[in-house]
Amino acid sequence: MALIALAADKGSPGVTTAAVALSAVWPRRVLLAETDPAGGDLLYRSAAAHGGSLDPNTGMLSIAATARRGLVPDQLWDHTQPLSGGLDVLVGIGSAEQAAGFTGLWPTLGQSFAQLGDSPHAPADVIADCGRISGDTAAVELFPYAQLVLLVSRTTPEALARVRDRASHLTQRLHGGPRGAAGIATPLIGVVLVTDPGGSAKLVHQVNDMLVAGQTGARVVGTLADDPAGADQLAGRRRGRLDKSLLIRSARKISVDLYQQFGAAWSTPAAGAGR
C-alpha cells in the first residue's frame, strides 16, 4: 500500500480540502494524516464521530513522544480519531511552534506511514496533508517514503508558474536532476489542478506541455472541482448530498484514475520504506 503526500507551493489552493475529499472516496482503507508543520485545520473545521470536537492532544502531538522511542506502524492507530462520517484522521499540531518537537522525527513518521500497508491487523494507505512547502520545510522529509507527491494548484498564471518551479525543485531534490518524462522514479510527482470543471481538458493539456518543457518530471493527474458549496458540505458547515457534489465527484475520478494506473505498483513497499 502507499503513502500519498499532498502539498502546495504558496497561497491557499485547498490542500486540506483536497486531502479530505480524496480520503473520503479512496478505494481502500485510508488514514488521513495532518502533517503540516504550520499546524492543522481539521481541529477547527471538522467534528468528531461522537458529534463533539476533535481532541487536539491526540494525533501528531501525542505521537511525537512515541516516535522518539521508535514507531511501529500499527501504533499509528493509537493516535487517530474518527471524523463524523467515519474517516480516521491523525490530527495535526496546533501551531508552528509545536513543530520543533518533530525535529529528526519526520523520516521515522514517513517510514511508518509507508509501512502501514504491511500491518497484520489494520493495513491502510496514508494520505498526508503537508500544507505549503518551501525551502527547508520539514514535511518534505516525508517525500522520499511516498509513492506519490501531489502538488495542488489553482490555475492562475502565477500559480502554474510556481507549481512548475516547485515540481522542478522536488525532482532535483528527490531524483537528482531534471526528467523529461513522468513516472520514471518514485515518488512520482503529480499535479492536481483546482478549477472549474467545464473545459478543463484543454487546460490540462497546456499545463502538461509546460511541465514537460520544463523537464519537471511531473504531470497533471486530475482536476478537482472548485466547489465552495461542496467544501462546506465536506467540513460539515452545510447540508446537502455530499456524494452528488462536484467536489466529491471530481475527487472520486482522481482516485479511480490513480488506482487504475498505479494500484499494482502500490502493492509493493515504497522506495524509501527500507531506508
C-alpha atoms as a PDB file:
ATOM      1  CA  MET A   1       0.000   0.000   0.000  1.00  0.00           C
ATOM      2  CA  ALA A   2       1.041   3.613  -0.350  1.00  0.00           C
ATOM      3  CA  LEU A   3       1.876   6.949   1.220  1.00  0.00           C
ATOM      4  CA  ILE A   4       0.456   9.798  -0.849  1.00  0.00           C
ATOM      5  CA  ALA A   5       1.651  13.267   0.154  1.00  0.00           C
ATOM      6  CA  LEU A   6      -0.304  16.405  -0.792  1.00  0.00           C
ATOM      7  CA  ALA A   7       1.256  19.862  -0.719  1.00  0.00           C
ATOM      8  CA  ALA A   8       1.153  23.310  -2.289  1.00  0.00           C
ATOM      9  CA  ASP A   9       3.760  25.906  -3.159  1.00  0.00           C
ATOM     10  CA  LYS A  10       2.098  29.109  -1.952  1.00  0.00           C
ATOM     11  CA  GLY A  11      -1.253  30.584  -1.073  1.00  0.00           C
ATOM     12  CA  SER A  12      -4.321  28.547  -0.152  1.00  0.00           C
ATOM     13  CA  PRO A  13      -5.266  26.340  -3.102  1.00  0.00           C
ATOM     14  CA  GLY A  14      -7.172  23.901  -0.893  1.00  0.00           C
ATOM     15  CA  VAL A  15      -4.676  21.213   0.138  1.00  0.00           C
ATOM     16  CA  THR A  16      -6.670  20.185   3.217  1.00  0.00           C
ATOM     17  CA  THR A  17      -9.948  20.082   1.282  1.00  0.00           C
ATOM     18  CA  ALA A  18      -8.265  18.011  -1.435  1.00  0.00           C
ATOM     19  CA  ALA A  19      -6.770  15.621   1.123  1.00  0.00           C
ATOM     20  CA  VAL A  20     -10.083  15.100   2.922  1.00  0.00           C
ATOM     21  CA  ALA A  21     -12.025  14.710  -0.335  1.00  0.00           C
ATOM     22  CA  LEU A  22      -9.615  12.118  -1.728  1.00  0.00           C
ATOM     23  CA  SER A  23      -9.564  10.262   1.586  1.00  0.00           C
ATOM     24  CA  ALA A  24     -13.363  10.193   1.682  1.00  0.00           C
ATOM     25  CA  VAL A  25     -13.572   8.339  -1.647  1.00  0.00           C
ATOM     26  CA  TRP A  26     -10.326   6.340  -1.520  1.00  0.00           C
ATOM     27  CA  PRO A  27     -10.933   2.759  -2.765  1.00  0.00           C
ATOM     28  CA  ARG A  28      -9.029   1.118   0.097  1.00  0.00           C
ATOM     29  CA  ARG A  29      -8.869   1.769   3.814  1.00  0.00           C
ATOM     30  CA  VAL A  30      -7.074   5.045   4.384  1.00  0.00           C
ATOM     31  CA  LEU A  31      -5.596   7.086   7.206  1.00  0.00           C
ATOM     32  CA  LEU A  32      -5.619  10.862   6.749  1.00  0.00           C
ATOM     33  CA  ALA A  33      -2.590  12.443   8.427  1.00  0.00           C
ATOM     34  CA  GLU A  34      -2.280  16.192   9.008  1.00  0.00           C
ATOM     35  CA  THR A  35       1.460  16.696   8.727  1.00  0.00           C
ATOM     36  CA  ASP A  36       1.597  20.435   8.020  1.00  0.00           C
ATOM     37  CA  PRO A  37       4.377  21.882  10.244  1.00  0.00           C
ATOM     38  CA  ALA A  38       2.450  25.170  10.322  1.00  0.00           C
ATOM     39  CA  GLY A  39      -0.455  23.463  12.103  1.00  0.00           C
ATOM     40  CA  GLY A  40      -3.534  21.505  11.119  1.00  0.00           C
ATOM     41  CA  ASP A  41      -7.002  22.759  10.165  1.00  0.00           C
ATOM     42  CA  LEU A  42      -9.323  19.832  10.859  1.00  0.00           C
ATOM     43  CA  LEU A  43      -9.460  20.591  14.577  1.00  0.00           C
ATOM     44  CA  TYR A  44     -11.248  23.828  13.721  1.00  0.00           C
ATOM     45  CA  ARG A  45     -13.327  22.811  10.748  1.00  0.00           C
ATOM     46  CA  SER A  46     -14.477  19.217  11.342  1.00  0.00           C
ATOM     47  CA  ALA A  47     -16.441  17.387  14.023  1.00  0.00           C
ATOM     48  CA  ALA A  48     -15.519  14.083  15.608  1.00  0.00           C
ATOM     49  CA  ALA A  49     -17.643  10.980  15.092  1.00  0.00           C
ATOM     50  CA  HIS A  50     -19.266  11.464  18.512  1.00  0.00           C
ATOM     51  CA  GLY A  51     -20.533  14.883  17.391  1.00  0.00           C
ATOM     52  CA  GLY A  52     -18.196  16.919  19.556  1.00  0.00           C
ATOM     53  CA  SER A  53     -14.818  18.453  18.894  1.00  0.00           C
ATOM     54  CA  LEU A  54     -11.676  16.570  17.980  1.00  0.00           C
ATOM     55  CA  ASP A  55      -9.111  16.167  20.751  1.00  0.00           C
ATOM     56  CA  PRO A  56      -6.090  18.390  19.972  1.00  0.00           C
ATOM     57  CA  ASN A  57      -3.843  16.253  22.183  1.00  0.00           C
ATOM     58  CA  THR A  58      -4.483  13.005  20.311  1.00  0.00           C
ATOM     59  CA  GLY A  59      -2.744  12.902  16.958  1.00  0.00           C
ATOM     60  CA  MET A  60       0.573  14.277  15.778  1.00  0.00           C
ATOM     61  CA  LEU A  61       1.162  15.877  19.156  1.00  0.00           C
ATOM     62  CA  SER A  62       0.771  12.623  21.054  1.00  0.00           C
ATOM     63  CA  ILE A  63       2.690  10.575  18.541  1.00  0.00           C
ATOM     64  CA  ALA A  64       5.855  12.664  18.907  1.00  0.00           C
ATOM     65  CA  ALA A  65       6.772  11.115  22.271  1.00  0.00           C
ATOM     66  CA  THR A  66       6.102   7.598  20.967  1.00  0.00           C
ATOM     67  CA  ALA A  67       8.154   8.154  17.818  1.00  0.00           C
ATOM     68  CA  ARG A  68      11.228   9.163  19.810  1.00  0.00           C
ATOM     69  CA  ARG A  69      11.345   5.629  21.216  1.00  0.00           C
ATOM     70  CA  GLY A  70      10.779   4.072  17.798  1.00  0.00           C
ATOM     71  CA  LEU A  71       7.496   3.709  15.958  1.00  0.00           C
ATOM     72  CA  VAL A  72       5.834   0.501  14.839  1.00  0.00           C
ATOM     73  CA  PRO A  73       3.310   1.278  12.058  1.00  0.00           C
ATOM     74  CA  ASP A  74       0.414  -0.278  13.983  1.00  0.00           C
ATOM     75  CA  GLN A  75       0.993   2.277  16.734  1.00  0.00           C
ATOM     76  CA  LEU A  76      -0.319   4.982  14.413  1.00  0.00           C
ATOM     77  CA  TRP A  77      -3.862   3.771  15.084  1.00  0.00           C
ATOM     78  CA  ASP A  78      -3.431   4.506  18.797  1.00  0.00           C
ATOM     79  CA  HIS A  79      -3.266   8.211  17.931  1.00  0.00           C
ATOM     80  CA  THR A  80      -6.093   8.506  15.408  1.00  0.00           C
ATOM     81  CA  GLN A  81      -9.635   9.802  15.802  1.00  0.00           C
ATOM     82  CA  PRO A  82     -12.680   9.178  13.592  1.00  0.00           C
ATOM     83  CA  LEU A  83     -14.268  12.165  11.927  1.00  0.00           C
ATOM     84  CA  SER A  84     -18.001  12.482  11.549  1.00  0.00           C
ATOM     85  CA  GLY A  85     -18.616  10.066   8.699  1.00  0.00           C
ATOM     86  CA  GLY A  86     -16.012   7.592   9.940  1.00  0.00           C
ATOM     87  CA  LEU A  87     -12.781   8.758   8.295  1.00  0.00           C
ATOM     88  CA  ASP A  88      -9.740   8.020  10.504  1.00  0.00           C
ATOM     89  CA  VAL A  89      -7.542  11.084  10.993  1.00  0.00           C
ATOM     90  CA  LEU A  90      -4.236  11.805  12.668  1.00  0.00           C
ATOM     91  CA  VAL A  91      -4.953  15.340  13.886  1.00  0.00           C
ATOM     92  CA  GLY A  92      -2.214  17.869  13.189  1.00  0.00           C
ATOM     93  CA  ILE A  93      -0.313  20.015  15.636  1.00  0.00           C
ATOM     94  CA  GLY A  94      -1.967  23.198  16.807  1.00  0.00           C
ATOM     95  CA  SER A  95       0.707  25.712  15.831  1.00  0.00           C
ATOM     96  CA  ALA A  96       4.036  26.103  14.069  1.00  0.00           C
ATOM     97  CA  GLU A  97       5.780  26.423  17.436  1.00  0.00           C
ATOM     98  CA  GLN A  98       4.927  22.812  18.231  1.00  0.00           C
ATOM     99  CA  ALA A  99       6.721  21.628  15.078  1.00  0.00           C
ATOM    100  CA  ALA A 100      10.044  21.955  16.909  1.00  0.00           C
ATOM    101  CA  GLY A 101       9.155  18.768  18.759  1.00  0.00           C
ATOM    102  CA  PHE A 102       9.341  16.834  15.478  1.00  0.00           C
ATOM    103  CA  THR A 103      12.942  17.698  14.669  1.00  0.00           C
ATOM    104  CA  GLY A 104      14.549  14.492  13.449  1.00  0.00           C
ATOM    105  CA  LEU A 105      11.279  12.541  13.557  1.00  0.00           C
ATOM    106  CA  TRP A 106       9.940  13.137  10.042  1.00  0.00           C
ATOM    107  CA  PRO A 107      11.826  10.203   8.456  1.00  0.00           C
ATOM    108  CA  THR A 108      10.553   7.923  11.238  1.00  0.00           C
ATOM    109  CA  LEU A 109       7.000   9.047  10.518  1.00  0.00           C
ATOM    110  CA  GLY A 110       7.494   8.696   6.762  1.00  0.00           C
ATOM    111  CA  GLN A 111       8.732   5.145   7.133  1.00  0.00           C
ATOM    112  CA  SER A 112       5.835   4.201   9.411  1.00  0.00           C
ATOM    113  CA  PHE A 113       3.298   5.771   7.047  1.00  0.00           C
ATOM    114  CA  ALA A 114       4.786   3.883   4.102  1.00  0.00           C
ATOM    115  CA  GLN A 115       4.807   0.580   6.001  1.00  0.00           C
ATOM    116  CA  LEU A 116       1.291   0.812   7.437  1.00  0.00           C
ATOM    117  CA  GLY A 117       0.062  -1.224   4.496  1.00  0.00           C
ATOM    118  CA  ASP A 118       2.018  -4.192   5.848  1.00  0.00           C
ATOM    119  CA  SER A 119       0.208  -4.093   9.185  1.00  0.00           C
ATOM    120  CA  PRO A 120      -1.065  -7.581  10.094  1.00  0.00           C
ATOM    121  CA  HIS A 121      -4.061  -6.055  11.862  1.00  0.00           C
ATOM    122  CA  ALA A 122      -5.225  -2.926  10.025  1.00  0.00           C
ATOM    123  CA  PRO A 123      -3.382  -2.206   6.763  1.00  0.00           C
ATOM    124  CA  ALA A 124      -4.145   1.120   5.124  1.00  0.00           C
ATOM    125  CA  ASP A 125      -2.898   3.705   2.687  1.00  0.00           C
ATOM    126  CA  VAL A 126      -1.900   7.059   4.195  1.00  0.00           C
ATOM    127  CA  ILE A 127      -2.826  10.402   2.665  1.00  0.00           C
ATOM    128  CA  ALA A 128      -0.671  13.121   4.239  1.00  0.00           C
ATOM    129  CA  ASP A 129      -1.699  16.784   4.168  1.00  0.00           C
ATOM    130  CA  CYS A 130       1.684  18.527   4.173  1.00  0.00           C
ATOM    131  CA  GLY A 131       0.358  22.066   3.643  1.00  0.00           C
ATOM    132  CA  ARG A 132       2.527  24.666   1.973  1.00  0.00           C
ATOM    133  CA  ILE A 133       6.113  23.707   1.245  1.00  0.00           C
ATOM    134  CA  SER A 134       9.093  25.915   0.523  1.00  0.00           C
ATOM    135  CA  GLY A 135      12.812  25.841   1.117  1.00  0.00           C
ATOM    136  CA  ASP A 136      13.586  23.550   4.004  1.00  0.00           C
ATOM    137  CA  THR A 137      10.018  22.858   5.129  1.00  0.00           C
ATOM    138  CA  ALA A 138      10.324  19.846   7.413  1.00  0.00           C
ATOM    139  CA  ALA A 139       7.419  17.865   5.937  1.00  0.00           C
ATOM    140  CA  VAL A 140       9.407  17.429   2.713  1.00  0.00           C
ATOM    141  CA  GLU A 141      11.371  14.808   4.658  1.00  0.00           C
ATOM    142  CA  LEU A 142       8.310  12.567   4.261  1.00  0.00           C
ATOM    143  CA  PHE A 143       8.514  12.644   0.472  1.00  0.00           C
ATOM    144  CA  PRO A 144      11.255  10.020  -0.085  1.00  0.00           C
ATOM    145  CA  TYR A 145       8.957   7.478   1.588  1.00  0.00           C
ATOM    146  CA  ALA A 146       5.945   8.347  -0.592  1.00  0.00           C
ATOM    147  CA  GLN A 147       4.813   6.616  -3.736  1.00  0.00           C
ATOM    148  CA  LEU A 148       3.195   9.817  -4.945  1.00  0.00           C
ATOM    149  CA  VAL A 149       3.603  13.512  -4.194  1.00  0.00           C
ATOM    150  CA  LEU A 150       0.661  15.617  -5.372  1.00  0.00           C
ATOM    151  CA  LEU A 151       1.090  19.368  -5.759  1.00  0.00           C
ATOM    152  CA  VAL A 152      -2.273  21.120  -5.501  1.00  0.00           C
ATOM    153  CA  SER A 153      -2.556  24.313  -7.541  1.00  0.00           C
ATOM    154  CA  ARG A 154      -5.015  26.908  -8.731  1.00  0.00           C
ATOM    155  CA  THR A 155      -4.868  27.825 -12.417  1.00  0.00           C
ATOM    156  CA  THR A 156      -3.821  31.467 -12.406  1.00  0.00           C
ATOM    157  CA  PRO A 157      -0.672  32.096 -14.462  1.00  0.00           C
ATOM    158  CA  GLU A 158       1.407  32.808 -11.354  1.00  0.00           C
ATOM    159  CA  ALA A 159       0.150  29.668  -9.570  1.00  0.00           C
ATOM    160  CA  LEU A 160       1.003  27.484 -12.563  1.00  0.00           C
ATOM    161  CA  ALA A 161       4.462  29.031 -12.860  1.00  0.00           C
ATOM    162  CA  ARG A 162       5.054  28.332  -9.180  1.00  0.00           C
ATOM    163  CA  VAL A 163       3.902  24.717  -9.373  1.00  0.00           C
ATOM    164  CA  ARG A 164       6.195  24.161 -12.362  1.00  0.00           C
ATOM    165  CA  ASP A 165       9.156  25.574 -10.453  1.00  0.00           C
ATOM    166  CA  ARG A 166       8.255  23.623  -7.291  1.00  0.00           C
ATOM    167  CA  ALA A 167       7.982  20.391  -9.281  1.00  0.00           C
ATOM    168  CA  SER A 168      11.411  21.050 -10.808  1.00  0.00           C
ATOM    169  CA  HIS A 169      12.889  21.691  -7.367  1.00  0.00           C
ATOM    170  CA  LEU A 170      11.409  18.482  -5.965  1.00  0.00           C
ATOM    171  CA  THR A 171      12.613  16.456  -8.935  1.00  0.00           C
ATOM    172  CA  GLN A 172      16.118  17.771  -8.354  1.00  0.00           C
ATOM    173  CA  ARG A 173      15.916  17.023  -4.638  1.00  0.00           C
ATOM    174  CA  LEU A 174      14.276  13.605  -4.837  1.00  0.00           C
ATOM    175  CA  HIS A 175      15.671  12.242  -8.105  1.00  0.00           C
ATOM    176  CA  GLY A 176      18.908  14.123  -8.584  1.00  0.00           C
ATOM    177  CA  GLY A 177      18.138  16.018 -11.759  1.00  0.00           C
ATOM    178  CA  PRO A 178      15.620  17.036 -14.431  1.00  0.00           C
ATOM    179  CA  ARG A 179      13.470  14.435 -16.137  1.00  0.00           C
ATOM    180  CA  GLY A 180      11.718  14.761 -19.440  1.00  0.00           C
ATOM    181  CA  ALA A 181       9.002  12.236 -18.719  1.00  0.00           C
ATOM    182  CA  ALA A 182       6.854  11.441 -15.705  1.00  0.00           C
ATOM    183  CA  GLY A 183       6.739   8.151 -13.865  1.00  0.00           C
ATOM    184  CA  ILE A 184      10.415   7.275 -14.130  1.00  0.00           C
ATOM    185  CA  ALA A 185      11.173   7.227 -10.427  1.00  0.00           C
ATOM    186  CA  THR A 186       9.441   7.014  -7.063  1.00  0.00           C
ATOM    187  CA  PRO A 187       7.940   9.164  -5.766  1.00  0.00           C
ATOM    188  CA  LEU A 188       6.043  10.210  -8.817  1.00  0.00           C
ATOM    189  CA  ILE A 189       5.321  13.936  -8.745  1.00  0.00           C
ATOM    190  CA  GLY A 190       1.788  14.769  -9.851  1.00  0.00           C
ATOM    191  CA  VAL A 191      -0.216  17.973 -10.101  1.00  0.00           C
ATOM    192  CA  VAL A 192      -3.863  18.384  -9.128  1.00  0.00           C
ATOM    193  CA  LEU A 193      -5.488  21.460 -10.620  1.00  0.00           C
ATOM    194  CA  VAL A 194      -8.311  23.148  -8.699  1.00  0.00           C
ATOM    195  CA  THR A 195     -10.510  24.653 -11.373  1.00  0.00           C
ATOM    196  CA  ASP A 196     -13.939  24.990 -12.918  1.00  0.00           C
ATOM    197  CA  PRO A 197     -14.739  21.503 -14.259  1.00  0.00           C
ATOM    198  CA  GLY A 198     -16.020  22.875 -17.550  1.00  0.00           C
ATOM    199  CA  GLY A 199     -13.435  22.949 -20.321  1.00  0.00           C
ATOM    200  CA  SER A 200     -10.607  21.631 -18.154  1.00  0.00           C
ATOM    201  CA  ALA A 201      -9.275  19.160 -20.743  1.00  0.00           C
ATOM    202  CA  LYS A 202      -7.611  21.879 -22.809  1.00  0.00           C
ATOM    203  CA  LEU A 203      -6.076  23.413 -19.694  1.00  0.00           C
ATOM    204  CA  VAL A 204      -4.675  20.057 -18.557  1.00  0.00           C
ATOM    205  CA  HIS A 205      -3.051  19.596 -21.962  1.00  0.00           C
ATOM    206  CA  GLN A 206      -1.484  23.063 -21.804  1.00  0.00           C
ATOM    207  CA  VAL A 207      -0.166  22.569 -18.272  1.00  0.00           C
ATOM    208  CA  ASN A 208       1.278  19.169 -19.164  1.00  0.00           C
ATOM    209  CA  ASP A 209       3.082  20.732 -22.108  1.00  0.00           C
ATOM    210  CA  MET A 210       4.536  23.326 -19.728  1.00  0.00           C
ATOM    211  CA  LEU A 211       5.654  20.656 -17.262  1.00  0.00           C
ATOM    212  CA  VAL A 212       7.292  18.577 -19.988  1.00  0.00           C
ATOM    213  CA  ALA A 213       9.045  21.591 -21.491  1.00  0.00           C
ATOM    214  CA  GLY A 214      10.444  22.405 -18.073  1.00  0.00           C
ATOM    215  CA  GLN A 215      11.723  18.821 -17.638  1.00  0.00           C
ATOM    216  CA  THR A 216       9.960  18.721 -14.293  1.00  0.00           C
ATOM    217  CA  GLY A 217       9.195  15.002 -14.348  1.00  0.00           C
ATOM    218  CA  ALA A 218       5.664  15.917 -13.234  1.00  0.00           C
ATOM    219  CA  ARG A 219       2.316  15.706 -14.933  1.00  0.00           C
ATOM    220  CA  VAL A 220      -1.284  16.580 -14.191  1.00  0.00           C
ATOM    221  CA  VAL A 221      -3.073  13.601 -12.634  1.00  0.00           C
ATOM    222  CA  GLY A 222      -6.505  15.205 -12.476  1.00  0.00           C
ATOM    223  CA  THR A 223      -8.655  18.231 -11.797  1.00  0.00           C
ATOM    224  CA  LEU A 224     -10.525  18.908  -8.570  1.00  0.00           C
ATOM    225  CA  ALA A 225     -13.677  20.976  -8.862  1.00  0.00           C
ATOM    226  CA  ASP A 226     -13.526  24.473  -7.409  1.00  0.00           C
ATOM    227  CA  ASP A 227     -16.699  23.885  -5.424  1.00  0.00           C
ATOM    228  CA  PRO A 228     -17.083  26.066  -2.291  1.00  0.00           C
ATOM    229  CA  ALA A 229     -20.511  24.589  -1.503  1.00  0.00           C
ATOM    230  CA  GLY A 230     -19.118  21.070  -1.686  1.00  0.00           C
ATOM    231  CA  ALA A 231     -16.181  22.071   0.524  1.00  0.00           C
ATOM    232  CA  ASP A 232     -18.623  23.423   3.123  1.00  0.00           C
ATOM    233  CA  GLN A 233     -20.578  20.157   2.999  1.00  0.00           C
ATOM    234  CA  LEU A 234     -17.370  18.175   3.422  1.00  0.00           C
ATOM    235  CA  ALA A 235     -16.499  20.241   6.509  1.00  0.00           C
ATOM    236  CA  GLY A 236     -19.998  19.832   7.943  1.00  0.00           C
ATOM    237  CA  ARG A 237     -20.831  23.530   7.607  1.00  0.00           C
ATOM    238  CA  ARG A 238     -23.581  22.970   5.065  1.00  0.00           C
ATOM    239  CA  ARG A 239     -26.202  20.311   4.497  1.00  0.00           C
ATOM    240  CA  GLY A 240     -26.716  18.507   1.220  1.00  0.00           C
ATOM    241  CA  ARG A 241     -25.931  15.388  -0.750  1.00  0.00           C
ATOM    242  CA  LEU A 242     -22.154  15.408  -0.468  1.00  0.00           C
ATOM    243  CA  ASP A 243     -21.810  12.417  -2.790  1.00  0.00           C
ATOM    244  CA  LYS A 244     -23.519  14.446  -5.522  1.00  0.00           C
ATOM    245  CA  SER A 245     -21.249  17.477  -5.133  1.00  0.00           C
ATOM    246  CA  LEU A 246     -18.832  18.417  -7.904  1.00  0.00           C
ATOM    247  CA  LEU A 247     -16.009  18.249  -5.366  1.00  0.00           C
ATOM    248  CA  ILE A 248     -16.604  14.622  -4.412  1.00  0.00           C
ATOM    249  CA  ARG A 249     -17.382  13.522  -7.961  1.00  0.00           C
ATOM    250  CA  SER A 250     -14.104  15.013  -9.198  1.00  0.00           C
ATOM    251  CA  ALA A 251     -12.164  13.558  -6.236  1.00  0.00           C
ATOM    252  CA  ARG A 252     -13.608  10.125  -6.995  1.00  0.00           C
ATOM    253  CA  LYS A 253     -12.439  10.354 -10.606  1.00  0.00           C
ATOM    254  CA  ILE A 254      -8.908  11.267  -9.494  1.00  0.00           C
ATOM    255  CA  SER A 255      -8.758   8.374  -7.031  1.00  0.00           C
ATOM    256  CA  VAL A 256     -10.071   5.873  -9.585  1.00  0.00           C
ATOM    257  CA  ASP A 257      -7.641   7.098 -12.242  1.00  0.00           C
ATOM    258  CA  LEU A 258      -4.716   6.867  -9.825  1.00  0.00           C
ATOM    259  CA  TYR A 259      -5.574   3.321  -8.850  1.00  0.00           C
ATOM    260  CA  GLN A 260      -6.045   2.204 -12.418  1.00  0.00           C
ATOM    261  CA  GLN A 261      -2.573   3.498 -13.267  1.00  0.00           C
ATOM    262  CA  PHE A 262      -0.567   2.803 -10.127  1.00  0.00           C
ATOM    263  CA  GLY A 263      -2.524   0.447  -7.873  1.00  0.00           C
ATOM    264  CA  ALA A 264      -0.467  -2.603  -8.781  1.00  0.00           C
ATOM    265  CA  ALA A 265       2.794  -0.814  -8.002  1.00  0.00           C
ATOM    266  CA  TRP A 266       1.403   0.301  -4.642  1.00  0.00           C
ATOM    267  CA  SER A 267       1.144  -3.318  -3.576  1.00  0.00           C
ATOM    268  CA  THR A 268       4.940  -3.292  -3.108  1.00  0.00           C
ATOM    269  CA  PRO A 269       6.880  -1.282  -0.468  1.00  0.00           C
ATOM    270  CA  ALA A 270       7.666   2.375  -1.162  1.00  0.00           C
ATOM    271  CA  ALA A 271      11.152   3.139  -2.426  1.00  0.00           C
ATOM    272  CA  GLY A 272      12.180   4.801   0.829  1.00  0.00           C
ATOM    273  CA  ALA A 273      10.481   2.319   3.117  1.00  0.00           C
ATOM    274  CA  GLY A 274      13.580   0.304   3.727  1.00  0.00           C
ATOM    275  CA  ARG A 275      15.837   3.223   4.473  1.00  0.00           C
END
